[in-house]
Amino acid sequence: MSKWKLAVIGLGHMGKHMIHRLLPQFTDKIELVALCDNDEASLRREAEAAGGSAPALYTDYRLLLEEIPLDLVYIAVPPSLHYNVARIAFEKGIHVFLREAAGQQPSGGEATAGAG
């Protein structure tokens, strides 16, 4: 069975937690293929720290979701952006992992759930 292709969008505390704590437990099943953050220095640091094959680096999540074939995206951006990122991923048939609310208002969460 081939590995799931994962992108992590957002490299704050939660994104780093995924890369350094969760992902190492599943390296036989998941391949980190892309990272996205608006801080280029953070992108380079996390790509080096992730080890393995070098993931593609992006500062624009829309471009990443357009260019990289993915099975799964871990969204670790501020909650106000969850809906925007998740909607695009769902439209492309990508599985979405959110650890926090899907929106700041109930309507945002409902819209995100409806997009999937």
N, C-alpha and C. Protein backbone atom coordinates (compact mmCIF):
# COMPACT_ATOMS: atom_id res chain seq x y z
N MET A 1 0.85 -1.19 0.00
CA MET A 1 0.00 0.00 0.00
C MET A 1 0.88 1.24 0.00
N SER A 2 0.55 2.21 -0.84
CA SER A 2 1.35 3.43 -0.89
C SER A 2 1.00 4.34 0.28
N LYS A 3 1.93 5.23 0.57
CA LYS A 3 1.74 6.16 1.69
C LYS A 3 0.79 7.30 1.30
N TRP A 4 0.06 7.79 2.31
CA TRP A 4 -0.77 8.97 2.11
C TRP A 4 0.14 10.17 1.99
N LYS A 5 -0.16 11.06 1.06
CA LYS A 5 0.61 12.29 0.87
C LYS A 5 -0.03 13.41 1.69
N LEU A 6 0.76 13.97 2.62
CA LEU A 6 0.29 14.96 3.59
C LEU A 6 0.96 16.31 3.37
N ALA A 7 0.17 17.37 3.52
CA ALA A 7 0.69 18.73 3.60
C ALA A 7 0.27 19.30 4.95
N VAL A 8 1.15 20.07 5.56
CA VAL A 8 0.83 20.80 6.79
C VAL A 8 0.77 22.28 6.43
N ILE A 9 -0.36 22.89 6.69
CA ILE A 9 -0.56 24.32 6.40
C ILE A 9 -0.65 25.05 7.73
N GLY A 10 0.36 25.86 8.00
CA GLY A 10 0.47 26.60 9.25
C GLY A 10 1.53 25.95 10.14
N LEU A 11 2.57 26.69 10.45
CA LEU A 11 3.68 26.13 11.22
C LEU A 11 3.87 26.79 12.57
N GLY A 12 2.75 27.16 13.18
CA GLY A 12 2.79 27.62 14.57
C GLY A 12 2.89 26.39 15.47
N HIS A 13 2.46 26.53 16.70
CA HIS A 13 2.56 25.44 17.67
C HIS A 13 1.92 24.15 17.17
N MET A 14 0.70 24.21 16.66
CA MET A 14 -0.02 23.00 16.26
C MET A 14 0.61 22.35 15.03
N GLY A 15 1.04 23.14 14.06
CA GLY A 15 1.69 22.58 12.89
C GLY A 15 2.99 21.89 13.24
N LYS A 16 3.76 22.51 14.12
CA LYS A 16 5.02 21.90 14.57
C LYS A 16 4.75 20.62 15.36
N HIS A 17 3.67 20.62 16.14
CA HIS A 17 3.30 19.44 16.90
C HIS A 17 3.03 18.26 15.95
N MET A 18 2.34 18.54 14.86
CA MET A 18 2.07 17.49 13.87
C MET A 18 3.38 16.94 13.29
N ILE A 19 4.28 17.83 12.92
CA ILE A 19 5.53 17.41 12.27
C ILE A 19 6.43 16.63 13.23
N HIS A 20 6.56 17.11 14.45
CA HIS A 20 7.56 16.54 15.37
C HIS A 20 7.02 15.48 16.32
N ARG A 21 5.72 15.49 16.61
CA ARG A 21 5.17 14.54 17.59
C ARG A 21 4.26 13.49 16.96
N LEU A 22 3.37 13.91 16.07
CA LEU A 22 2.41 12.96 15.53
C LEU A 22 2.94 12.23 14.30
N LEU A 23 3.46 12.95 13.34
CA LEU A 23 3.91 12.35 12.08
C LEU A 23 4.94 11.24 12.28
N PRO A 24 5.92 11.39 13.18
CA PRO A 24 6.91 10.31 13.33
C PRO A 24 6.30 8.96 13.72
N GLN A 25 5.11 8.96 14.29
CA GLN A 25 4.45 7.72 14.66
C GLN A 25 3.85 6.99 13.46
N PHE A 26 3.75 7.69 12.33
CA PHE A 26 3.06 7.13 11.17
C PHE A 26 3.89 7.19 9.89
N THR A 27 5.20 7.21 10.01
CA THR A 27 6.04 7.33 8.82
C THR A 27 5.89 6.16 7.86
N ASP A 28 5.38 5.03 8.33
CA ASP A 28 5.15 3.90 7.44
C ASP A 28 3.87 4.07 6.63
N LYS A 29 3.01 5.04 7.01
CA LYS A 29 1.73 5.24 6.35
C LYS A 29 1.57 6.61 5.69
N ILE A 30 2.34 7.60 6.18
CA ILE A 30 2.15 8.98 5.72
C ILE A 30 3.49 9.58 5.30
N GLU A 31 3.47 10.27 4.17
CA GLU A 31 4.65 10.97 3.67
C GLU A 31 4.37 12.48 3.67
N LEU A 32 5.22 13.24 4.33
CA LEU A 32 5.10 14.70 4.33
C LEU A 32 5.64 15.22 3.01
N VAL A 33 4.75 15.76 2.17
CA VAL A 33 5.17 16.20 0.84
C VAL A 33 5.20 17.72 0.68
N ALA A 34 4.55 18.46 1.60
CA ALA A 34 4.54 19.92 1.46
C ALA A 34 4.28 20.59 2.80
N LEU A 35 4.88 21.78 2.94
CA LEU A 35 4.67 22.64 4.11
C LEU A 35 4.27 24.02 3.61
N CYS A 36 3.44 24.70 4.39
CA CYS A 36 3.02 26.04 4.01
C CYS A 36 2.94 26.93 5.25
N ASP A 37 3.52 28.11 5.13
CA ASP A 37 3.45 29.12 6.18
C ASP A 37 3.83 30.45 5.54
N ASN A 38 3.39 31.55 6.12
CA ASN A 38 3.74 32.85 5.55
C ASN A 38 5.12 33.32 6.00
N ASP A 39 5.78 32.58 6.88
CA ASP A 39 7.12 32.92 7.36
C ASP A 39 8.14 31.99 6.67
N GLU A 40 8.89 32.52 5.72
CA GLU A 40 9.81 31.70 4.93
C GLU A 40 10.93 31.10 5.78
N ALA A 41 11.39 31.81 6.79
CA ALA A 41 12.45 31.27 7.66
C ALA A 41 11.92 30.06 8.42
N SER A 42 10.70 30.14 8.90
CA SER A 42 10.08 29.02 9.60
C SER A 42 9.91 27.83 8.66
N LEU A 43 9.53 28.09 7.44
CA LEU A 43 9.40 27.02 6.45
C LEU A 43 10.71 26.26 6.28
N ARG A 44 11.79 26.99 6.10
CA ARG A 44 13.10 26.35 5.90
C ARG A 44 13.52 25.56 7.14
N ARG A 45 13.33 26.14 8.32
CA ARG A 45 13.70 25.44 9.56
C ARG A 45 12.93 24.13 9.71
N GLU A 46 11.63 24.19 9.51
CA GLU A 46 10.80 23.00 9.70
C GLU A 46 11.07 21.95 8.63
N ALA A 47 11.36 22.37 7.41
CA ALA A 47 11.69 21.41 6.35
C ALA A 47 12.97 20.66 6.71
N GLU A 48 13.96 21.37 7.22
CA GLU A 48 15.21 20.73 7.63
C GLU A 48 14.97 19.79 8.82
N ALA A 49 14.17 20.23 9.78
CA ALA A 49 13.92 19.44 10.98
C ALA A 49 13.08 18.20 10.70
N ALA A 50 12.25 18.26 9.66
CA ALA A 50 11.35 17.14 9.35
C ALA A 50 12.12 15.91 8.89
N GLY A 51 13.31 16.12 8.32
CA GLY A 51 14.09 14.98 7.84
C GLY A 51 13.43 14.33 6.64
N GLY A 52 13.90 13.18 6.25
CA GLY A 52 13.33 12.48 5.10
C GLY A 52 13.54 13.27 3.83
N SER A 53 12.72 12.98 2.84
CA SER A 53 12.83 13.72 1.58
C SER A 53 12.30 15.14 1.81
N ALA A 54 12.89 16.09 1.14
CA ALA A 54 12.55 17.49 1.35
C ALA A 54 11.14 17.79 0.85
N PRO A 55 10.27 18.29 1.73
CA PRO A 55 8.92 18.65 1.28
C PRO A 55 8.95 19.92 0.44
N ALA A 56 7.97 20.08 -0.43
CA ALA A 56 7.81 21.33 -1.18
C ALA A 56 7.40 22.42 -0.19
N LEU A 57 7.89 23.63 -0.41
CA LEU A 57 7.63 24.74 0.51
C LEU A 57 6.79 25.81 -0.18
N TYR A 58 5.76 26.27 0.52
CA TYR A 58 4.84 27.27 -0.03
C TYR A 58 4.53 28.33 1.01
N THR A 59 4.32 29.56 0.53
CA THR A 59 3.83 30.62 1.40
C THR A 59 2.36 30.93 1.11
N ASP A 60 1.79 30.29 0.11
CA ASP A 60 0.39 30.49 -0.28
C ASP A 60 -0.32 29.14 -0.31
N TYR A 61 -1.25 28.93 0.60
CA TYR A 61 -1.93 27.64 0.68
C TYR A 61 -2.73 27.34 -0.58
N ARG A 62 -3.26 28.37 -1.23
CA ARG A 62 -4.04 28.15 -2.45
C ARG A 62 -3.18 27.54 -3.55
N LEU A 63 -1.97 28.05 -3.68
CA LEU A 63 -1.04 27.52 -4.68
C LEU A 63 -0.64 26.08 -4.34
N LEU A 64 -0.36 25.82 -3.08
CA LEU A 64 -0.02 24.45 -2.65
C LEU A 64 -1.14 23.50 -3.02
N LEU A 65 -2.38 23.83 -2.65
CA LEU A 65 -3.50 22.94 -2.91
C LEU A 65 -3.78 22.77 -4.40
N GLU A 66 -3.38 23.73 -5.19
CA GLU A 66 -3.54 23.64 -6.65
C GLU A 66 -2.46 22.78 -7.29
N GLU A 67 -1.24 22.88 -6.80
CA GLU A 67 -0.10 22.26 -7.48
C GLU A 67 0.30 20.87 -6.98
N ILE A 68 0.07 20.58 -5.71
CA ILE A 68 0.58 19.33 -5.12
C ILE A 68 -0.55 18.30 -4.99
N PRO A 69 -0.37 17.11 -5.56
CA PRO A 69 -1.37 16.06 -5.35
C PRO A 69 -1.30 15.55 -3.91
N LEU A 70 -2.41 15.65 -3.19
CA LEU A 70 -2.45 15.30 -1.77
C LEU A 70 -3.58 14.33 -1.47
N ASP A 71 -3.38 13.57 -0.40
CA ASP A 71 -4.44 12.74 0.14
C ASP A 71 -5.02 13.37 1.40
N LEU A 72 -4.19 14.12 2.13
CA LEU A 72 -4.55 14.63 3.45
C LEU A 72 -3.87 15.97 3.69
N VAL A 73 -4.62 16.90 4.28
CA VAL A 73 -4.03 18.18 4.67
C VAL A 73 -4.34 18.41 6.15
N TYR A 74 -3.31 18.80 6.88
CA TYR A 74 -3.47 19.17 8.29
C TYR A 74 -3.49 20.69 8.33
N ILE A 75 -4.61 21.25 8.77
CA ILE A 75 -4.80 22.70 8.78
C ILE A 75 -4.53 23.22 10.18
N ALA A 76 -3.47 24.02 10.30
CA ALA A 76 -3.05 24.56 11.59
C ALA A 76 -2.89 26.08 11.50
N VAL A 77 -3.81 26.70 10.82
CA VAL A 77 -3.83 28.16 10.69
C VAL A 77 -4.81 28.72 11.71
N PRO A 78 -4.85 30.03 11.90
CA PRO A 78 -5.84 30.59 12.82
C PRO A 78 -7.27 30.18 12.43
N PRO A 79 -8.13 29.95 13.43
CA PRO A 79 -9.49 29.49 13.15
C PRO A 79 -10.26 30.32 12.13
N SER A 80 -9.98 31.60 12.05
CA SER A 80 -10.70 32.45 11.09
C SER A 80 -10.41 32.05 9.65
N LEU A 81 -9.35 31.29 9.41
CA LEU A 81 -8.99 30.85 8.05
C LEU A 81 -9.37 29.39 7.77
N HIS A 82 -9.82 28.66 8.79
CA HIS A 82 -10.12 27.24 8.61
C HIS A 82 -11.07 26.98 7.45
N TYR A 83 -12.17 27.72 7.41
CA TYR A 83 -13.16 27.48 6.36
C TYR A 83 -12.56 27.67 4.98
N ASN A 84 -11.81 28.75 4.79
CA ASN A 84 -11.25 29.03 3.46
C ASN A 84 -10.33 27.91 2.98
N VAL A 85 -9.46 27.45 3.86
CA VAL A 85 -8.50 26.40 3.49
C VAL A 85 -9.24 25.07 3.30
N ALA A 86 -10.09 24.72 4.24
CA ALA A 86 -10.80 23.44 4.18
C ALA A 86 -11.70 23.35 2.95
N ARG A 87 -12.37 24.42 2.60
CA ARG A 87 -13.27 24.41 1.44
C ARG A 87 -12.52 24.05 0.18
N ILE A 88 -11.37 24.68 -0.04
CA ILE A 88 -10.58 24.39 -1.24
C ILE A 88 -10.11 22.94 -1.23
N ALA A 89 -9.65 22.47 -0.07
CA ALA A 89 -9.18 21.07 0.02
C ALA A 89 -10.33 20.11 -0.28
N PHE A 90 -11.49 20.35 0.31
CA PHE A 90 -12.64 19.47 0.06
C PHE A 90 -13.02 19.47 -1.41
N GLU A 91 -13.00 20.65 -2.04
CA GLU A 91 -13.34 20.74 -3.46
C GLU A 91 -12.40 19.89 -4.31
N LYS A 92 -11.19 19.69 -3.85
CA LYS A 92 -10.20 18.90 -4.58
C LYS A 92 -10.20 17.43 -4.16
N GLY A 93 -11.10 17.06 -3.26
CA GLY A 93 -11.19 15.68 -2.81
C GLY A 93 -10.12 15.28 -1.81
N ILE A 94 -9.55 16.27 -1.12
CA ILE A 94 -8.49 16.01 -0.14
C ILE A 94 -9.11 15.86 1.25
N HIS A 95 -8.68 14.84 1.99
CA HIS A 95 -9.13 14.67 3.36
C HIS A 95 -8.55 15.81 4.20
N VAL A 96 -9.33 16.29 5.17
CA VAL A 96 -8.94 17.44 5.99
C VAL A 96 -8.88 17.03 7.45
N PHE A 97 -7.81 17.44 8.13
CA PHE A 97 -7.65 17.21 9.57
C PHE A 97 -7.57 18.58 10.24
N LEU A 98 -8.57 18.87 11.08
CA LEU A 98 -8.61 20.09 11.89
C LEU A 98 -8.63 19.68 13.36
N ARG A 99 -7.79 20.28 14.17
CA ARG A 99 -7.82 19.97 15.60
C ARG A 99 -8.64 20.97 16.37
N GLU A 100 -9.08 22.00 15.73
CA GLU A 100 -9.85 23.04 16.41
C GLU A 100 -11.15 23.26 15.66
N ALA A 101 -11.89 24.26 16.07
CA ALA A 101 -13.18 24.56 15.45
C ALA A 101 -13.03 24.79 13.95
N ALA A 102 -14.04 24.37 13.21
CA ALA A 102 -14.03 24.55 11.77
C ALA A 102 -14.39 25.98 11.36
N GLY A 103 -14.80 26.79 12.30
CA GLY A 103 -15.12 28.18 12.03
C GLY A 103 -15.33 28.92 13.34
N GLN A 104 -15.31 30.24 13.29
CA GLN A 104 -15.47 31.01 14.51
C GLN A 104 -16.93 31.14 14.92
N GLN A 105 -17.84 30.95 13.99
CA GLN A 105 -19.27 30.98 14.26
C GLN A 105 -19.85 29.62 13.87
N PRO A 106 -20.98 29.23 14.47
CA PRO A 106 -21.57 27.94 14.08
C PRO A 106 -21.79 27.82 12.58
N SER A 107 -22.15 28.92 11.92
CA SER A 107 -22.38 28.85 10.47
C SER A 107 -21.11 28.49 9.71
N GLY A 108 -19.95 28.94 10.22
CA GLY A 108 -18.68 28.59 9.57
C GLY A 108 -18.37 27.11 9.71
N GLY A 109 -18.63 26.55 10.88
CA GLY A 109 -18.43 25.12 11.08
C GLY A 109 -19.38 24.30 10.24
N GLU A 110 -20.63 24.73 10.16
CA GLU A 110 -21.62 24.03 9.35
C GLU A 110 -21.25 24.10 7.87
N ALA A 111 -20.77 25.26 7.42
CA ALA A 111 -20.38 25.40 6.02
C ALA A 111 -19.18 24.51 5.71
N THR A 112 -18.22 24.45 6.65
CA THR A 112 -17.06 23.61 6.44
C THR A 112 -17.47 22.14 6.36
N ALA A 113 -18.33 21.71 7.27
CA ALA A 113 -18.80 20.33 7.26
C ALA A 113 -19.56 20.03 5.98
N GLY A 114 -20.35 20.99 5.52
CA GLY A 114 -21.12 20.80 4.29
C GLY A 114 -20.25 20.74 3.06
N ALA A 115 -19.08 21.38 3.11
CA ALA A 115 -18.18 21.37 1.96
C ALA A 115 -17.57 20.00 1.75
N GLY A 116 -17.47 19.20 2.81
CA GLY A 116 -16.85 17.88 2.71
C GLY A 116 -17.85 16.89 2.29
